[in-house]
Amino acid sequence: MSAELARRVADRAAAVRGVARLGGGGLGAAATYAPGQRIDGVRVHQGSVEIHITAARTSQSLPMVAQAVRDAVRPLTDGLAIDVFVDDLDLDVIDLEALASAPPALDRPAVPESRP
């Protein structure tokens, strides 16, 4: 059952805006193991679910991305505690939708167009 839950949680978490991918690399990585498969980025414990993500470059804050992951997987977890860890930030993966809706950057002065 924990492998099935881990797979469903992984699929749902990976689809959240601002998530580049689930974390799962390296020694001691967060993963759930089942016969013939490894589900990276999710560990199901007795009373909780642990999710490790790599965030995309976005205008959303990292706590907002983590909360969106919690909200997305909550219906699957049957009341288990949900712990989300942002393990890394991938600046090469850009959440274009979030950036398009972001207010203009403050570090660039607005320059009116010059007309000939």
PDB file of N, CA and C in Angstrom:
ATOM      1  N   MET A   1       0.813  -1.197   0.000  1.00  0.00           N
ATOM      2  CA  MET A   1       0.000   0.000   0.000  1.00  0.00           C
ATOM      3  C   MET A   1       0.857   1.261   0.000  1.00  0.00           C
ATOM      4  N   SER A   2       1.993   1.254   0.734  1.00  0.00           N
ATOM      5  CA  SER A   2       2.802   2.464   0.789  1.00  0.00           C
ATOM      6  C   SER A   2       3.421   2.788  -0.571  1.00  0.00           C
ATOM      7  N   ALA A   3       3.748   1.786  -1.384  1.00  0.00           N
ATOM      8  CA  ALA A   3       4.293   2.049  -2.718  1.00  0.00           C
ATOM      9  C   ALA A   3       3.228   2.670  -3.612  1.00  0.00           C
ATOM     10  N   GLU A   4       2.020   2.190  -3.522  1.00  0.00           N
ATOM     11  CA  GLU A   4       0.919   2.760  -4.320  1.00  0.00           C
ATOM     12  C   GLU A   4       0.661   4.205  -3.900  1.00  0.00           C
ATOM     13  N   LEU A   5       0.621   4.455  -2.605  1.00  0.00           N
ATOM     14  CA  LEU A   5       0.429   5.812  -2.097  1.00  0.00           C
ATOM     15  C   LEU A   5       1.593   6.698  -2.522  1.00  0.00           C
ATOM     16  N   ALA A   6       2.812   6.207  -2.405  1.00  0.00           N
ATOM     17  CA  ALA A   6       3.992   6.986  -2.788  1.00  0.00           C
ATOM     18  C   ALA A   6       3.943   7.352  -4.269  1.00  0.00           C
ATOM     19  N   ARG A   7       3.532   6.443  -5.126  1.00  0.00           N
ATOM     20  CA  ARG A   7       3.434   6.713  -6.566  1.00  0.00           C
ATOM     21  C   ARG A   7       2.390   7.798  -6.830  1.00  0.00           C
ATOM     22  N   ARG A   8       1.240   7.698  -6.202  1.00  0.00           N
ATOM     23  CA  ARG A   8       0.182   8.699  -6.404  1.00  0.00           C
ATOM     24  C   ARG A   8       0.612  10.067  -5.883  1.00  0.00           C
ATOM     25  N   VAL A   9       1.253  10.092  -4.711  1.00  0.00           N
ATOM     26  CA  VAL A   9       1.749  11.347  -4.139  1.00  0.00           C
ATOM     27  C   VAL A   9       2.821  11.938  -5.046  1.00  0.00           C
ATOM     28  N   ALA A  10       3.738  11.114  -5.540  1.00  0.00           N
ATOM     29  CA  ALA A  10       4.808  11.595  -6.419  1.00  0.00           C
ATOM     30  C   ALA A  10       4.235  12.206  -7.689  1.00  0.00           C
ATOM     31  N   ASP A  11       3.273  11.547  -8.293  1.00  0.00           N
ATOM     32  CA  ASP A  11       2.667  12.071  -9.522  1.00  0.00           C
ATOM     33  C   ASP A  11       1.977  13.403  -9.274  1.00  0.00           C
ATOM     34  N   ARG A  12       1.245  13.495  -8.185  1.00  0.00           N
ATOM     35  CA  ARG A  12       0.517  14.728  -7.860  1.00  0.00           C
ATOM     36  C   ARG A  12       1.480  15.857  -7.519  1.00  0.00           C
ATOM     37  N   ALA A  13       2.508  15.571  -6.716  1.00  0.00           N
ATOM     38  CA  ALA A  13       3.466  16.598  -6.307  1.00  0.00           C
ATOM     39  C   ALA A  13       4.267  17.118  -7.497  1.00  0.00           C
ATOM     40  N   ALA A  14       4.656  16.233  -8.404  1.00  0.00           N
ATOM     41  CA  ALA A  14       5.449  16.635  -9.565  1.00  0.00           C
ATOM     42  C   ALA A  14       4.668  17.541 -10.505  1.00  0.00           C
ATOM     43  N   ALA A  15       3.342  17.495 -10.448  1.00  0.00           N
ATOM     44  CA  ALA A  15       2.503  18.295 -11.331  1.00  0.00           C
ATOM     45  C   ALA A  15       2.228  19.701 -10.785  1.00  0.00           C
ATOM     46  N   VAL A  16       2.675  20.002  -9.581  1.00  0.00           N
ATOM     47  CA  VAL A  16       2.413  21.301  -8.962  1.00  0.00           C
ATOM     48  C   VAL A  16       3.277  22.377  -9.630  1.00  0.00           C
ATOM     49  N   ARG A  17       2.661  23.530  -9.898  1.00  0.00           N
ATOM     50  CA  ARG A  17       3.409  24.661 -10.458  1.00  0.00           C
ATOM     51  C   ARG A  17       4.535  25.047  -9.523  1.00  0.00           C
ATOM     52  N   GLY A  18       5.705  25.260 -10.097  1.00  0.00           N
ATOM     53  CA  GLY A  18       6.860  25.634  -9.294  1.00  0.00           C
ATOM     54  C   GLY A  18       7.736  24.459  -8.912  1.00  0.00           C
ATOM     55  N   VAL A  19       7.300  23.244  -9.197  1.00  0.00           N
ATOM     56  CA  VAL A  19       8.105  22.049  -8.921  1.00  0.00           C
ATOM     57  C   VAL A  19       8.790  21.632 -10.215  1.00  0.00           C
ATOM     58  N   ALA A  20      10.121  21.644 -10.220  1.00  0.00           N
ATOM     59  CA  ALA A  20      10.877  21.203 -11.395  1.00  0.00           C
ATOM     60  C   ALA A  20      10.874  19.675 -11.475  1.00  0.00           C
ATOM     61  N   ARG A  21      11.074  19.054 -10.331  1.00  0.00           N
ATOM     62  CA  ARG A  21      11.083  17.587 -10.254  1.00  0.00           C
ATOM     63  C   ARG A  21      11.128  17.196  -8.781  1.00  0.00           C
ATOM     64  N   LEU A  22      10.916  15.922  -8.525  1.00  0.00           N
ATOM     65  CA  LEU A  22      11.052  15.419  -7.165  1.00  0.00           C
ATOM     66  C   LEU A  22      12.516  15.105  -6.915  1.00  0.00           C
ATOM     67  N   GLY A  23      12.964  15.312  -5.679  1.00  0.00           N
ATOM     68  CA  GLY A  23      14.335  15.000  -5.302  1.00  0.00           C
ATOM     69  C   GLY A  23      14.464  13.515  -5.075  1.00  0.00           C
ATOM     70  N   GLY A  24      15.600  12.976  -5.392  1.00  0.00           N
ATOM     71  CA  GLY A  24      15.762  11.553  -5.175  1.00  0.00           C
ATOM     72  C   GLY A  24      17.170  11.081  -5.437  1.00  0.00           C
ATOM     73  N   GLY A  25      18.043  12.003  -5.747  1.00  0.00           N
ATOM     74  CA  GLY A  25      19.401  11.608  -6.068  1.00  0.00           C
ATOM     75  C   GLY A  25      20.281  11.549  -4.847  1.00  0.00           C
ATOM     76  N   GLY A  26      21.394  10.899  -5.000  1.00  0.00           N
ATOM     77  CA  GLY A  26      22.389  10.882  -3.939  1.00  0.00           C
ATOM     78  C   GLY A  26      22.209   9.769  -2.933  1.00  0.00           C
ATOM     79  N   LEU A  27      23.210   9.636  -2.090  1.00  0.00           N
ATOM     80  CA  LEU A  27      23.225   8.623  -1.050  1.00  0.00           C
ATOM     81  C   LEU A  27      22.211   8.964   0.031  1.00  0.00           C
ATOM     82  N   GLY A  28      21.449   7.999   0.445  1.00  0.00           N
ATOM     83  CA  GLY A  28      20.446   8.228   1.480  1.00  0.00           C
ATOM     84  C   GLY A  28      19.273   9.049   0.987  1.00  0.00           C
ATOM     85  N   ALA A  29      19.038   9.008  -0.311  1.00  0.00           N
ATOM     86  CA  ALA A  29      17.993   9.820  -0.919  1.00  0.00           C
ATOM     87  C   ALA A  29      16.612   9.386  -0.447  1.00  0.00           C
ATOM     88  N   ALA A  30      15.703  10.344  -0.500  1.00  0.00           N
ATOM     89  CA  ALA A  30      14.314  10.049  -0.162  1.00  0.00           C
ATOM     90  C   ALA A  30      13.689   9.246  -1.290  1.00  0.00           C
ATOM     91  N   ALA A  31      13.244   8.061  -0.974  1.00  0.00           N
ATOM     92  CA  ALA A  31      12.619   7.206  -1.981  1.00  0.00           C
ATOM     93  C   ALA A  31      11.798   6.134  -1.273  1.00  0.00           C
ATOM     94  N   THR A  32      10.842   5.596  -2.003  1.00  0.00           N
ATOM     95  CA  THR A  32      10.075   4.450  -1.540  1.00  0.00           C
ATOM     96  C   THR A  32      10.424   3.296  -2.471  1.00  0.00           C
ATOM     97  N   TYR A  33      10.713   2.162  -1.883  1.00  0.00           N
ATOM     98  CA  TYR A  33      11.114   0.997  -2.659  1.00  0.00           C
ATOM     99  C   TYR A  33      10.010  -0.038  -2.618  1.00  0.00           C
ATOM    100  N   ALA A  34       9.785  -0.657  -3.778  1.00  0.00           N
ATOM    101  CA  ALA A  34       8.825  -1.746  -3.899  1.00  0.00           C
ATOM    102  C   ALA A  34       9.439  -2.731  -4.892  1.00  0.00           C
ATOM    103  N   PRO A  35       8.929  -3.937  -4.951  1.00  0.00           N
ATOM    104  CA  PRO A  35       9.510  -4.899  -5.890  1.00  0.00           C
ATOM    105  C   PRO A  35       9.571  -4.334  -7.310  1.00  0.00           C
ATOM    106  N   GLY A  36      10.786  -4.210  -7.833  1.00  0.00           N
ATOM    107  CA  GLY A  36      10.978  -3.761  -9.199  1.00  0.00           C
ATOM    108  C   GLY A  36      10.824  -2.275  -9.441  1.00  0.00           C
ATOM    109  N   GLN A  37      10.679  -1.490  -8.396  1.00  0.00           N
ATOM    110  CA  GLN A  37      10.533  -0.051  -8.618  1.00  0.00           C
ATOM    111  C   GLN A  37      11.093   0.772  -7.465  1.00  0.00           C
ATOM    112  N   ARG A  38      11.453   1.985  -7.823  1.00  0.00           N
ATOM    113  CA  ARG A  38      11.912   2.972  -6.844  1.00  0.00           C
ATOM    114  C   ARG A  38      11.156   4.255  -7.151  1.00  0.00           C
ATOM    115  N   ILE A  39      10.472   4.801  -6.169  1.00  0.00           N
ATOM    116  CA  ILE A  39       9.716   6.033  -6.333  1.00  0.00           C
ATOM    117  C   ILE A  39      10.509   7.131  -5.646  1.00  0.00           C
ATOM    118  N   ASP A  40      11.207   7.933  -6.461  1.00  0.00           N
ATOM    119  CA  ASP A  40      12.078   8.980  -5.933  1.00  0.00           C
ATOM    120  C   ASP A  40      11.279  10.143  -5.361  1.00  0.00           C
ATOM    121  N   GLY A  41      11.808  10.707  -4.288  1.00  0.00           N
ATOM    122  CA  GLY A  41      11.270  11.937  -3.734  1.00  0.00           C
ATOM    123  C   GLY A  41      10.169  11.783  -2.713  1.00  0.00           C
ATOM    124  N   VAL A  42       9.728  10.561  -2.444  1.00  0.00           N
ATOM    125  CA  VAL A  42       8.628  10.351  -1.491  1.00  0.00           C
ATOM    126  C   VAL A  42       8.962   9.192  -0.564  1.00  0.00           C
ATOM    127  N   ARG A  43       8.801   9.449   0.725  1.00  0.00           N
ATOM    128  CA  ARG A  43       8.901   8.394   1.741  1.00  0.00           C
ATOM    129  C   ARG A  43       7.590   8.375   2.506  1.00  0.00           C
ATOM    130  N   VAL A  44       7.036   7.211   2.664  1.00  0.00           N
ATOM    131  CA  VAL A  44       5.819   7.057   3.455  1.00  0.00           C
ATOM    132  C   VAL A  44       6.212   6.412   4.767  1.00  0.00           C
ATOM    133  N   HIS A  45       5.976   7.140   5.863  1.00  0.00           N
ATOM    134  CA  HIS A  45       6.267   6.643   7.205  1.00  0.00           C
ATOM    135  C   HIS A  45       4.960   6.206   7.856  1.00  0.00           C
ATOM    136  N   GLN A  46       5.062   5.713   9.077  1.00  0.00           N
ATOM    137  CA  GLN A  46       3.890   5.260   9.812  1.00  0.00           C
ATOM    138  C   GLN A  46       2.828   6.358   9.950  1.00  0.00           C
ATOM    139  N   GLY A  47       3.247   7.581  10.295  1.00  0.00           N
ATOM    140  CA  GLY A  47       2.266   8.646  10.510  1.00  0.00           C
ATOM    141  C   GLY A  47       2.449   9.854   9.622  1.00  0.00           C
ATOM    142  N   SER A  48       3.321   9.753   8.609  1.00  0.00           N
ATOM    143  CA  SER A  48       3.569  10.932   7.776  1.00  0.00           C
ATOM    144  C   SER A  48       4.036  10.549   6.380  1.00  0.00           C
ATOM    145  N   VAL A  49       3.983  11.538   5.514  1.00  0.00           N
ATOM    146  CA  VAL A  49       4.513  11.417   4.156  1.00  0.00           C
ATOM    147  C   VAL A  49       5.564  12.504   4.002  1.00  0.00           C
ATOM    148  N   GLU A  50       6.725  12.132   3.517  1.00  0.00           N
ATOM    149  CA  GLU A  50       7.845  13.056   3.325  1.00  0.00           C
ATOM    150  C   GLU A  50       8.048  13.228   1.821  1.00  0.00           C
ATOM    151  N   ILE A  51       8.042  14.484   1.366  1.00  0.00           N
ATOM    152  CA  ILE A  51       8.173  14.782  -0.058  1.00  0.00           C
ATOM    153  C   ILE A  51       9.366  15.703  -0.244  1.00  0.00           C
ATOM    154  N   HIS A  52      10.272  15.336  -1.135  1.00  0.00           N
ATOM    155  CA  HIS A  52      11.462  16.137  -1.429  1.00  0.00           C
ATOM    156  C   HIS A  52      11.347  16.652  -2.860  1.00  0.00           C
ATOM    157  N   ILE A  53      11.450  17.982  -3.017  1.00  0.00           N
ATOM    158  CA  ILE A  53      11.308  18.578  -4.340  1.00  0.00           C
ATOM    159  C   ILE A  53      12.516  19.423  -4.703  1.00  0.00           C
ATOM    160  N   THR A  54      12.702  19.600  -6.002  1.00  0.00           N
ATOM    161  CA  THR A  54      13.582  20.617  -6.558  1.00  0.00           C
ATOM    162  C   THR A  54      12.645  21.638  -7.178  1.00  0.00           C
ATOM    163  N   ALA A  55      12.745  22.875  -6.728  1.00  0.00           N
ATOM    164  CA  ALA A  55      11.852  23.921  -7.200  1.00  0.00           C
ATOM    165  C   ALA A  55      12.365  24.531  -8.493  1.00  0.00           C
ATOM    166  N   ALA A  56      11.432  25.005  -9.314  1.00  0.00           N
ATOM    167  CA  ALA A  56      11.762  25.729 -10.542  1.00  0.00           C
ATOM    168  C   ALA A  56      11.939  27.202 -10.217  1.00  0.00           C
ATOM    169  N   ARG A  57      12.597  27.914 -11.113  1.00  0.00           N
ATOM    170  CA  ARG A  57      12.687  29.367 -10.965  1.00  0.00           C
ATOM    171  C   ARG A  57      11.294  29.934 -11.199  1.00  0.00           C
ATOM    172  N   THR A  58      10.809  30.696 -10.253  1.00  0.00           N
ATOM    173  CA  THR A  58       9.429  31.156 -10.282  1.00  0.00           C
ATOM    174  C   THR A  58       9.306  32.450  -9.513  1.00  0.00           C
ATOM    175  N   SER A  59       8.191  33.108  -9.660  1.00  0.00           N
ATOM    176  CA  SER A  59       7.943  34.314  -8.870  1.00  0.00           C
ATOM    177  C   SER A  59       7.328  33.973  -7.516  1.00  0.00           C
ATOM    178  N   GLN A  60       6.897  32.734  -7.347  1.00  0.00           N
ATOM    179  CA  GLN A  60       6.328  32.304  -6.074  1.00  0.00           C
ATOM    180  C   GLN A  60       7.445  32.079  -5.062  1.00  0.00           C
ATOM    181  N   SER A  61       7.158  32.319  -3.801  1.00  0.00           N
ATOM    182  CA  SER A  61       8.138  32.019  -2.766  1.00  0.00           C
ATOM    183  C   SER A  61       8.211  30.507  -2.579  1.00  0.00           C
ATOM    184  N   LEU A  62       9.335  30.040  -2.077  1.00  0.00           N
ATOM    185  CA  LEU A  62       9.487  28.602  -1.844  1.00  0.00           C
ATOM    186  C   LEU A  62       8.476  28.079  -0.834  1.00  0.00           C
ATOM    187  N   PRO A  63       8.161  28.824   0.251  1.00  0.00           N
ATOM    188  CA  PRO A  63       7.105  28.337   1.142  1.00  0.00           C
ATOM    189  C   PRO A  63       5.751  28.206   0.439  1.00  0.00           C
ATOM    190  N   MET A  64       5.485  29.073  -0.527  1.00  0.00           N
ATOM    191  CA  MET A  64       4.220  28.968  -1.277  1.00  0.00           C
ATOM    192  C   MET A  64       4.209  27.714  -2.148  1.00  0.00           C
ATOM    193  N   VAL A  65       5.338  27.388  -2.761  1.00  0.00           N
ATOM    194  CA  VAL A  65       5.433  26.175  -3.572  1.00  0.00           C
ATOM    195  C   VAL A  65       5.252  24.951  -2.676  1.00  0.00           C
ATOM    196  N   ALA A  66       5.913  24.943  -1.522  1.00  0.00           N
ATOM    197  CA  ALA A  66       5.782  23.815  -0.586  1.00  0.00           C
ATOM    198  C   ALA A  66       4.337  23.668  -0.115  1.00  0.00           C
ATOM    199  N   GLN A  67       3.668  24.772   0.165  1.00  0.00           N
ATOM    200  CA  GLN A  67       2.269  24.705   0.591  1.00  0.00           C
ATOM    201  C   GLN A  67       1.372  24.195  -0.533  1.00  0.00           C
ATOM    202  N   ALA A  68       1.664  24.592  -1.762  1.00  0.00           N
ATOM    203  CA  ALA A  68       0.891  24.095  -2.903  1.00  0.00           C
ATOM    204  C   ALA A  68       1.049  22.582  -3.056  1.00  0.00           C
ATOM    205  N   VAL A  69       2.254  22.069  -2.783  1.00  0.00           N
ATOM    206  CA  VAL A  69       2.471  20.620  -2.826  1.00  0.00           C
ATOM    207  C   VAL A  69       1.640  19.951  -1.724  1.00  0.00           C
ATOM    208  N   ARG A  70       1.699  20.495  -0.512  1.00  0.00           N
ATOM    209  CA  ARG A  70       0.891  19.937   0.593  1.00  0.00           C
ATOM    210  C   ARG A  70      -0.588  19.909   0.225  1.00  0.00           C
ATOM    211  N   ASP A  71      -1.087  21.028  -0.288  1.00  0.00           N
ATOM    212  CA  ASP A  71      -2.500  21.121  -0.651  1.00  0.00           C
ATOM    213  C   ASP A  71      -2.873  20.115  -1.736  1.00  0.00           C
ATOM    214  N   ALA A  72      -1.962  19.905  -2.695  1.00  0.00           N
ATOM    215  CA  ALA A  72      -2.245  18.989  -3.804  1.00  0.00           C
ATOM    216  C   ALA A  72      -2.315  17.534  -3.354  1.00  0.00           C
ATOM    217  N   VAL A  73      -1.465  17.142  -2.413  1.00  0.00           N
ATOM    218  CA  VAL A  73      -1.416  15.726  -2.016  1.00  0.00           C
ATOM    219  C   VAL A  73      -2.301  15.401  -0.818  1.00  0.00           C
ATOM    220  N   ARG A  74      -2.756  16.423  -0.107  1.00  0.00           N
ATOM    221  CA  ARG A  74      -3.557  16.184   1.107  1.00  0.00           C
ATOM    222  C   ARG A  74      -4.736  15.225   0.884  1.00  0.00           C
ATOM    223  N   PRO A  75      -5.504  15.340  -0.217  1.00  0.00           N
ATOM    224  CA  PRO A  75      -6.627  14.410  -0.403  1.00  0.00           C
ATOM    225  C   PRO A  75      -6.209  12.941  -0.522  1.00  0.00           C
ATOM    226  N   LEU A  76      -4.959  12.686  -0.829  1.00  0.00           N
ATOM    227  CA  LEU A  76      -4.479  11.314  -1.007  1.00  0.00           C
ATOM    228  C   LEU A  76      -3.977  10.682   0.288  1.00  0.00           C
ATOM    229  N   THR A  77      -3.682  11.496   1.299  1.00  0.00           N
ATOM    230  CA  THR A  77      -2.905  11.022   2.438  1.00  0.00           C
ATOM    231  C   THR A  77      -3.714  10.585   3.646  1.00  0.00           C
ATOM    232  N   ASP A  78      -5.011  10.693   3.604  1.00  0.00           N
ATOM    233  CA  ASP A  78      -5.876  10.181   4.669  1.00  0.00           C
ATOM    234  C   ASP A  78      -5.454  10.668   6.053  1.00  0.00           C
ATOM    235  N   GLY A  79      -5.182  11.967   6.170  1.00  0.00           N
ATOM    236  CA  GLY A  79      -4.878  12.558   7.468  1.00  0.00           C
ATOM    237  C   GLY A  79      -3.445  12.431   7.940  1.00  0.00           C
ATOM    238  N   LEU A  80      -2.567  11.837   7.140  1.00  0.00           N
ATOM    239  CA  LEU A  80      -1.161  11.747   7.531  1.00  0.00           C
ATOM    240  C   LEU A  80      -0.531  13.145   7.504  1.00  0.00           C
ATOM    241  N   ALA A  81       0.455  13.365   8.350  1.00  0.00           N
ATOM    242  CA  ALA A  81       1.210  14.614   8.301  1.00  0.00           C
ATOM    243  C   ALA A  81       1.986  14.642   6.987  1.00  0.00           C
ATOM    244  N   ILE A  82       2.119  15.838   6.403  1.00  0.00           N
ATOM    245  CA  ILE A  82       2.821  15.985   5.133  1.00  0.00           C
ATOM    246  C   ILE A  82       3.993  16.930   5.340  1.00  0.00           C
ATOM    247  N   ASP A  83       5.196  16.417   5.154  1.00  0.00           N
ATOM    248  CA  ASP A  83       6.415  17.210   5.287  1.00  0.00           C
ATOM    249  C   ASP A  83       7.008  17.404   3.901  1.00  0.00           C
ATOM    250  N   VAL A  84       7.172  18.676   3.498  1.00  0.00           N
ATOM    251  CA  VAL A  84       7.743  18.990   2.187  1.00  0.00           C
ATOM    252  C   VAL A  84       9.099  19.643   2.402  1.00  0.00           C
ATOM    253  N   PHE A  85      10.106  19.112   1.733  1.00  0.00           N
ATOM    254  CA  PHE A  85      11.466  19.631   1.806  1.00  0.00           C
ATOM    255  C   PHE A  85      11.862  20.155   0.428  1.00  0.00           C
ATOM    256  N   VAL A  86      12.300  21.398   0.370  1.00  0.00           N
ATOM    257  CA  VAL A  86      12.832  21.952  -0.873  1.00  0.00           C
ATOM    258  C   VAL A  86      14.330  21.696  -0.830  1.00  0.00           C
ATOM    259  N   ASP A  87      14.760  20.673  -1.550  1.00  0.00           N
ATOM    260  CA  ASP A  87      16.155  20.244  -1.518  1.00  0.00           C
ATOM    261  C   ASP A  87      17.058  21.088  -2.409  1.00  0.00           C
ATOM    262  N   ASP A  88      16.482  21.656  -3.465  1.00  0.00           N
ATOM    263  CA  ASP A  88      17.311  22.380  -4.418  1.00  0.00           C
ATOM    264  C   ASP A  88      16.438  23.324  -5.224  1.00  0.00           C
ATOM    265  N   LEU A  89      17.099  24.219  -5.944  1.00  0.00           N
ATOM    266  CA  LEU A  89      16.441  25.169  -6.828  1.00  0.00           C
ATOM    267  C   LEU A  89      17.093  25.032  -8.193  1.00  0.00           C
ATOM    268  N   ASP A  90      16.310  24.749  -9.218  1.00  0.00           N
ATOM    269  CA  ASP A  90      16.830  24.589 -10.572  1.00  0.00           C
ATOM    270  C   ASP A  90      16.532  25.863 -11.349  1.00  0.00           C
ATOM    271  N   LEU A  91      17.551  26.695 -11.543  1.00  0.00           N
ATOM    272  CA  LEU A  91      17.364  27.967 -12.233  1.00  0.00           C
ATOM    273  C   LEU A  91      17.193  27.802 -13.737  1.00  0.00           C
ATOM    274  N   ASP A  92      17.483  26.614 -14.259  1.00  0.00           N
ATOM    275  CA  ASP A  92      17.316  26.364 -15.688  1.00  0.00           C
ATOM    276  C   ASP A  92      15.884  25.975 -16.045  1.00  0.00           C
ATOM    277  N   VAL A  93      15.090  25.590 -15.056  1.00  0.00           N
ATOM    278  CA  VAL A  93      13.687  25.259 -15.282  1.00  0.00           C
ATOM    279  C   VAL A  93      12.876  26.452 -14.808  1.00  0.00           C
ATOM    280  N   ILE A  94      12.157  27.071 -15.744  1.00  0.00           N
ATOM    281  CA  ILE A  94      11.453  28.306 -15.441  1.00  0.00           C
ATOM    282  C   ILE A  94       9.952  28.073 -15.499  1.00  0.00           C
ATOM    283  N   ASP A  95       9.262  28.522 -14.469  1.00  0.00           N
ATOM    284  CA  ASP A  95       7.803  28.480 -14.424  1.00  0.00           C
ATOM    285  C   ASP A  95       7.315  29.736 -15.151  1.00  0.00           C
ATOM    286  N   LEU A  96       7.185  29.646 -16.476  1.00  0.00           N
ATOM    287  CA  LEU A  96       6.859  30.815 -17.290  1.00  0.00           C
ATOM    288  C   LEU A  96       5.504  31.416 -16.932  1.00  0.00           C
ATOM    289  N   GLU A  97       4.559  30.578 -16.599  1.00  0.00           N
ATOM    290  CA  GLU A  97       3.227  31.078 -16.258  1.00  0.00           C
ATOM    291  C   GLU A  97       3.287  31.973 -15.023  1.00  0.00           C
ATOM    292  N   ALA A  98       4.040  31.565 -14.023  1.00  0.00           N
ATOM    293  CA  ALA A  98       4.162  32.370 -12.808  1.00  0.00           C
ATOM    294  C   ALA A  98       4.935  33.645 -13.087  1.00  0.00           C
ATOM    295  N   LEU A  99       5.980  33.550 -13.911  1.00  0.00           N
ATOM    296  CA  LEU A  99       6.759  34.746 -14.221  1.00  0.00           C
ATOM    297  C   LEU A  99       5.945  35.747 -15.039  1.00  0.00           C
ATOM    298  N   ALA A 100       5.074  35.257 -15.907  1.00  0.00           N
ATOM    299  CA  ALA A 100       4.260  36.150 -16.737  1.00  0.00           C
ATOM    300  C   ALA A 100       3.273  36.940 -15.898  1.00  0.00           C
ATOM    301  N   SER A 101       2.812  36.360 -14.805  1.00  0.00           N
ATOM    302  CA  SER A 101       1.830  37.039 -13.963  1.00  0.00           C
ATOM    303  C   SER A 101       2.479  37.842 -12.841  1.00  0.00           C
ATOM    304  N   ALA A 102       3.800  37.829 -12.776  1.00  0.00           N
ATOM    305  CA  ALA A 102       4.513  38.548 -11.716  1.00  0.00           C
ATOM    306  C   ALA A 102       4.546  40.041 -12.015  1.00  0.00           C
ATOM    307  N   PRO A 103       4.572  40.858 -10.967  1.00  0.00           N
ATOM    308  CA  PRO A 103       4.715  42.298 -11.194  1.00  0.00           C
ATOM    309  C   PRO A 103       6.102  42.594 -11.773  1.00  0.00           C
ATOM    310  N   PRO A 104       6.270  43.737 -12.430  1.00  0.00           N
ATOM    311  CA  PRO A 104       7.579  44.046 -13.009  1.00  0.00           C
ATOM    312  C   PRO A 104       8.653  44.125 -11.937  1.00  0.00           C
ATOM    313  N   ALA A 105       9.864  43.763 -12.322  1.00  0.00           N
ATOM    314  CA  ALA A 105      10.982  43.782 -11.382  1.00  0.00           C
ATOM    315  C   ALA A 105      11.278  45.211 -10.947  1.00  0.00           C
ATOM    316  N   LEU A 106      11.599  45.384  -9.685  1.00  0.00           N
ATOM    317  CA  LEU A 106      11.865  46.712  -9.146  1.00  0.00           C
ATOM    318  C   LEU A 106      13.268  47.201  -9.452  1.00  0.00           C
ATOM    319  N   ASP A 107      14.155  46.283  -9.825  1.00  0.00           N
ATOM    320  CA  ASP A 107      15.533  46.688 -10.054  1.00  0.00           C
ATOM    321  C   ASP A 107      15.755  47.283 -11.448  1.00  0.00           C
ATOM    322  N   ARG A 108      14.741  47.263 -12.286  1.00  0.00           N
ATOM    323  CA  ARG A 108      14.857  47.849 -13.615  1.00  0.00           C
ATOM    324  C   ARG A 108      13.938  49.063 -13.699  1.00  0.00           C
ATOM    325  N   PRO A 109      14.484  50.237 -13.946  1.00  0.00           N
ATOM    326  CA  PRO A 109      13.635  51.416 -14.040  1.00  0.00           C
ATOM    327  C   PRO A 109      12.770  51.362 -15.295  1.00  0.00           C
ATOM    328  N   ALA A 110      11.566  51.850 -15.150  1.00  0.00           N
ATOM    329  CA  ALA A 110      10.680  51.916 -16.307  1.00  0.00           C
ATOM    330  C   ALA A 110      11.171  53.022 -17.220  1.00  0.00           C
ATOM    331  N   VAL A 111      11.397  52.690 -18.474  1.00  0.00           N
ATOM    332  CA  VAL A 111      11.882  53.663 -19.442  1.00  0.00           C
ATOM    333  C   VAL A 111      10.807  53.844 -20.496  1.00  0.00           C
ATOM    334  N   PRO A 112      10.303  55.058 -20.636  1.00  0.00           N
ATOM    335  CA  PRO A 112       9.279  55.259 -21.662  1.00  0.00           C
ATOM    336  C   PRO A 112       9.880  55.077 -23.046  1.00  0.00           C
ATOM    337  N   GLU A 113       9.041  54.601 -23.965  1.00  0.00           N
ATOM    338  CA  GLU A 113       9.491  54.430 -25.332  1.00  0.00           C
ATOM    339  C   GLU A 113       9.758  55.792 -25.955  1.00  0.00           C
ATOM    340  N   SER A 114      10.843  55.869 -26.703  1.00  0.00           N
ATOM    341  CA  SER A 114      11.114  57.124 -27.401  1.00  0.00           C
ATOM    342  C   SER A 114      10.505  57.035 -28.791  1.00  0.00           C
ATOM    343  N   ARG A 115       9.958  58.140 -29.220  1.00  0.00           N
ATOM    344  CA  ARG A 115       9.337  58.178 -30.538  1.00  0.00           C
ATOM    345  C   ARG A 115      10.132  59.090 -31.444  1.00  0.00           C
ATOM    346  N   PRO A 116      10.367  58.687 -32.668  1.00  0.00           N
ATOM    347  CA  PRO A 116      11.158  59.513 -33.593  1.00  0.00           C
ATOM    348  C   PRO A 116      10.445  60.767 -34.026  1.00  0.00           C
TER     349      PRO A 116
END
